[in-house]
């Protein structure tokens, strides 16, 4: 079974949760670009971060983020800015720019994960596609 969510819907859901505008763009079948506006005090800049899906284990999604040269400090600053706006325990930072996202920590997804198991996640130019199996 497949479920899809458009980038516009994903933007709406994330913006609703974090109270920060965010945009998503297709890069390849395992990578999306996230644009997050950041205010540096003296200027505003869109911080672009690529998120690559490494693997899925149960309700956990492991992704690696990467940016352009010299932007890693800005990513850390942006993560700190939104940390207070995301549910407790949703995201763990690991070495080598890896994030472990515990999707079951999102209340809106709990009923979903009671019935379905994620098998794969990939991107198309228009949407995120999740391969599902009925849970056991």
C-alpha atoms as a PDB file:
ATOM      1  CA  UNK A   1       0.000   0.000   0.000  1.00  0.00           C
ATOM      2  CA  UNK A   2       1.176   3.553  -0.666  1.00  0.00           C
ATOM      3  CA  UNK A   3       0.418   6.843   1.032  1.00  0.00           C
ATOM      4  CA  UNK A   4       1.465  10.202  -0.351  1.00  0.00           C
ATOM      5  CA  UNK A   5       1.749  13.717   0.996  1.00  0.00           C
ATOM      6  CA  UNK A   6       2.402  16.710  -1.216  1.00  0.00           C
ATOM      7  CA  UNK A   7       5.215  19.084  -0.366  1.00  0.00           C
ATOM      8  CA  UNK A   8       2.628  21.835   0.179  1.00  0.00           C
ATOM      9  CA  UNK A   9       0.768  19.715   2.742  1.00  0.00           C
ATOM     10  CA  UNK A  10       4.039  18.746   4.427  1.00  0.00           C
ATOM     11  CA  UNK A  11       5.006  22.431   4.596  1.00  0.00           C
ATOM     12  CA  UNK A  12       1.643  23.246   6.183  1.00  0.00           C
ATOM     13  CA  UNK A  13       1.966  20.462   8.776  1.00  0.00           C
ATOM     14  CA  UNK A  14       5.545  21.362   9.753  1.00  0.00           C
ATOM     15  CA  UNK A  15       4.816  25.106   9.843  1.00  0.00           C
ATOM     16  CA  UNK A  16       1.743  24.436  12.000  1.00  0.00           C
ATOM     17  CA  UNK A  17       3.828  22.365  14.437  1.00  0.00           C
ATOM     18  CA  UNK A  18       6.912  24.611  14.635  1.00  0.00           C
ATOM     19  CA  UNK A  19       5.255  28.004  14.038  1.00  0.00           C
ATOM     20  CA  UNK A  20       8.053  28.683  11.520  1.00  0.00           C
ATOM     21  CA  UNK A  21       7.644  28.878   7.749  1.00  0.00           C
ATOM     22  CA  UNK A  22       9.476  26.129   5.910  1.00  0.00           C
ATOM     23  CA  UNK A  23       9.595  24.975   2.279  1.00  0.00           C
ATOM     24  CA  UNK A  24      10.446  21.606   0.711  1.00  0.00           C
ATOM     25  CA  UNK A  25      11.890  20.877  -2.732  1.00  0.00           C
ATOM     26  CA  UNK A  26      12.657  17.643  -4.573  1.00  0.00           C
ATOM     27  CA  UNK A  27      16.355  16.745  -5.032  1.00  0.00           C
ATOM     28  CA  UNK A  28      16.288  12.998  -5.779  1.00  0.00           C
ATOM     29  CA  UNK A  29      14.284   9.920  -4.753  1.00  0.00           C
ATOM     30  CA  UNK A  30      15.853   9.839  -1.256  1.00  0.00           C
ATOM     31  CA  UNK A  31      16.610  13.543  -0.728  1.00  0.00           C
ATOM     32  CA  UNK A  32      14.618  16.729  -0.254  1.00  0.00           C
ATOM     33  CA  UNK A  33      15.861  20.272   0.231  1.00  0.00           C
ATOM     34  CA  UNK A  34      14.442  22.159   3.188  1.00  0.00           C
ATOM     35  CA  UNK A  35      14.503  25.959   3.097  1.00  0.00           C
ATOM     36  CA  UNK A  36      14.164  27.666   6.455  1.00  0.00           C
ATOM     37  CA  UNK A  37      14.292  31.460   6.824  1.00  0.00           C
ATOM     38  CA  UNK A  38      16.757  32.500   9.506  1.00  0.00           C
ATOM     39  CA  UNK A  39      17.188  35.983  10.945  1.00  0.00           C
ATOM     40  CA  UNK A  40      20.824  36.732  11.711  1.00  0.00           C
ATOM     41  CA  UNK A  41      19.995  40.127  13.215  1.00  0.00           C
ATOM     42  CA  UNK A  42      21.719  42.144  10.532  1.00  0.00           C
ATOM     43  CA  UNK A  43      20.211  40.158   7.643  1.00  0.00           C
ATOM     44  CA  UNK A  44      17.673  37.492   6.779  1.00  0.00           C
ATOM     45  CA  UNK A  45      18.747  34.415   4.867  1.00  0.00           C
ATOM     46  CA  UNK A  46      17.084  31.249   3.640  1.00  0.00           C
ATOM     47  CA  UNK A  47      19.038  28.338   5.016  1.00  0.00           C
ATOM     48  CA  UNK A  48      18.985  25.428   2.579  1.00  0.00           C
ATOM     49  CA  UNK A  49      19.563  21.954   3.977  1.00  0.00           C
ATOM     50  CA  UNK A  50      19.365  18.674   2.093  1.00  0.00           C
ATOM     51  CA  UNK A  51      17.832  15.793   4.049  1.00  0.00           C
ATOM     52  CA  UNK A  52      18.678  12.315   2.763  1.00  0.00           C
ATOM     53  CA  UNK A  53      16.710   9.309   4.027  1.00  0.00           C
ATOM     54  CA  UNK A  54      19.199   6.683   5.186  1.00  0.00           C
ATOM     55  CA  UNK A  55      16.820   4.067   6.542  1.00  0.00           C
ATOM     56  CA  UNK A  56      13.609   3.309   8.386  1.00  0.00           C
ATOM     57  CA  UNK A  57      13.315   1.135  11.465  1.00  0.00           C
ATOM     58  CA  UNK A  58       9.820   0.791  12.858  1.00  0.00           C
ATOM     59  CA  UNK A  59       8.612   4.344  13.398  1.00  0.00           C
ATOM     60  CA  UNK A  60      12.123   5.796  13.371  1.00  0.00           C
ATOM     61  CA  UNK A  61      13.475   7.631  10.366  1.00  0.00           C
ATOM     62  CA  UNK A  62      17.229   8.135  10.092  1.00  0.00           C
ATOM     63  CA  UNK A  63      18.307  11.037   7.884  1.00  0.00           C
ATOM     64  CA  UNK A  64      21.575  12.798   7.123  1.00  0.00           C
ATOM     65  CA  UNK A  65      21.624  16.530   6.568  1.00  0.00           C
ATOM     66  CA  UNK A  66      24.141  18.342   4.459  1.00  0.00           C
ATOM     67  CA  UNK A  67      24.557  21.923   3.395  1.00  0.00           C
ATOM     68  CA  UNK A  68      26.827  24.008   1.286  1.00  0.00           C
ATOM     69  CA  UNK A  69      30.336  24.892   2.371  1.00  0.00           C
ATOM     70  CA  UNK A  70      30.512  26.680   5.726  1.00  0.00           C
ATOM     71  CA  UNK A  71      26.806  26.424   6.500  1.00  0.00           C
ATOM     72  CA  UNK A  72      26.923  23.712   9.182  1.00  0.00           C
ATOM     73  CA  UNK A  73      27.051  26.269  12.012  1.00  0.00           C
ATOM     74  CA  UNK A  74      23.879  27.889  10.677  1.00  0.00           C
ATOM     75  CA  UNK A  75      22.153  24.494  10.650  1.00  0.00           C
ATOM     76  CA  UNK A  76      23.046  24.065  14.320  1.00  0.00           C
ATOM     77  CA  UNK A  77      21.660  27.534  15.052  1.00  0.00           C
ATOM     78  CA  UNK A  78      18.437  26.761  13.165  1.00  0.00           C
ATOM     79  CA  UNK A  79      18.019  23.434  15.010  1.00  0.00           C
ATOM     80  CA  UNK A  80      18.412  25.240  18.317  1.00  0.00           C
ATOM     81  CA  UNK A  81      15.819  27.834  17.275  1.00  0.00           C
ATOM     82  CA  UNK A  82      13.133  25.224  16.528  1.00  0.00           C
ATOM     83  CA  UNK A  83      14.044  22.725  19.256  1.00  0.00           C
ATOM     84  CA  UNK A  84      11.626  24.305  21.750  1.00  0.00           C
ATOM     85  CA  UNK A  85       8.821  24.080  19.180  1.00  0.00           C
ATOM     86  CA  UNK A  86       9.041  20.374  18.415  1.00  0.00           C
ATOM     87  CA  UNK A  87       7.624  17.603  20.599  1.00  0.00           C
ATOM     88  CA  UNK A  88       9.903  16.252  23.317  1.00  0.00           C
ATOM     89  CA  UNK A  89      11.884  13.258  22.129  1.00  0.00           C
ATOM     90  CA  UNK A  90      11.007  13.695  18.445  1.00  0.00           C
ATOM     91  CA  UNK A  91      14.560  14.167  17.227  1.00  0.00           C
ATOM     92  CA  UNK A  92      17.981  12.930  18.307  1.00  0.00           C
ATOM     93  CA  UNK A  93      21.210  14.343  16.921  1.00  0.00           C
ATOM     94  CA  UNK A  94      23.910  11.796  16.101  1.00  0.00           C
ATOM     95  CA  UNK A  95      27.491  12.154  14.798  1.00  0.00           C
ATOM     96  CA  UNK A  96      28.183  12.808  11.120  1.00  0.00           C
ATOM     97  CA  UNK A  97      25.155  15.076  10.678  1.00  0.00           C
ATOM     98  CA  UNK A  98      22.651  12.282  11.249  1.00  0.00           C
ATOM     99  CA  UNK A  99      19.252  12.883  12.817  1.00  0.00           C
ATOM    100  CA  UNK A 100      17.068  10.113  14.201  1.00  0.00           C
ATOM    101  CA  UNK A 101      13.426  11.165  14.002  1.00  0.00           C
ATOM    102  CA  UNK A 102      10.982   9.258  16.220  1.00  0.00           C
ATOM    103  CA  UNK A 103       7.777   9.695  14.229  1.00  0.00           C
ATOM    104  CA  UNK A 104       5.632   8.010  16.913  1.00  0.00           C
ATOM    105  CA  UNK A 105       6.208  11.114  19.059  1.00  0.00           C
ATOM    106  CA  UNK A 106       3.866  13.061  16.757  1.00  0.00           C
ATOM    107  CA  UNK A 107       0.394  12.703  18.278  1.00  0.00           C
ATOM    108  CA  UNK A 108      -1.293  12.983  14.882  1.00  0.00           C
ATOM    109  CA  UNK A 109       0.638   9.924  13.630  1.00  0.00           C
ATOM    110  CA  UNK A 110       0.137   7.599  16.619  1.00  0.00           C
ATOM    111  CA  UNK A 111      -3.153   6.105  15.343  1.00  0.00           C
ATOM    112  CA  UNK A 112      -1.556   5.607  11.935  1.00  0.00           C
ATOM    113  CA  UNK A 113       1.365   3.629  13.363  1.00  0.00           C
ATOM    114  CA  UNK A 114      -1.014   1.445  15.371  1.00  0.00           C
ATOM    115  CA  UNK A 115      -2.342   0.080  12.054  1.00  0.00           C
ATOM    116  CA  UNK A 116       0.510   0.407   9.568  1.00  0.00           C
ATOM    117  CA  UNK A 117       4.226  -0.223   9.309  1.00  0.00           C
ATOM    118  CA  UNK A 118       6.496   1.924   7.148  1.00  0.00           C
ATOM    119  CA  UNK A 119       8.560  -0.065   4.670  1.00  0.00           C
ATOM    120  CA  UNK A 120      10.063   2.676   2.482  1.00  0.00           C
ATOM    121  CA  UNK A 121       9.980   6.402   1.921  1.00  0.00           C
ATOM    122  CA  UNK A 122      10.912   8.153  -1.291  1.00  0.00           C
ATOM    123  CA  UNK A 123      10.435  11.488  -2.956  1.00  0.00           C
ATOM    124  CA  UNK A 124       9.015  12.427  -6.333  1.00  0.00           C
ATOM    125  CA  UNK A 125       8.954  15.883  -7.860  1.00  0.00           C
ATOM    126  CA  UNK A 126       5.503  16.538  -6.348  1.00  0.00           C
ATOM    127  CA  UNK A 127       5.248  14.526  -3.144  1.00  0.00           C
ATOM    128  CA  UNK A 128       6.632  12.165  -0.534  1.00  0.00           C
ATOM    129  CA  UNK A 129       5.612   8.527  -1.098  1.00  0.00           C
ATOM    130  CA  UNK A 130       5.470   6.131   1.854  1.00  0.00           C
ATOM    131  CA  UNK A 131       5.319   2.378   1.253  1.00  0.00           C
ATOM    132  CA  UNK A 132       3.185   0.735   3.950  1.00  0.00           C
ATOM    133  CA  UNK A 133       2.237  -2.687   5.203  1.00  0.00           C
ATOM    134  CA  UNK A 134      -0.577  -3.548   7.560  1.00  0.00           C
ATOM    135  CA  UNK A 135       0.974  -3.862  11.008  1.00  0.00           C
ATOM    136  CA  UNK A 136       1.076  -7.113  12.911  1.00  0.00           C
END
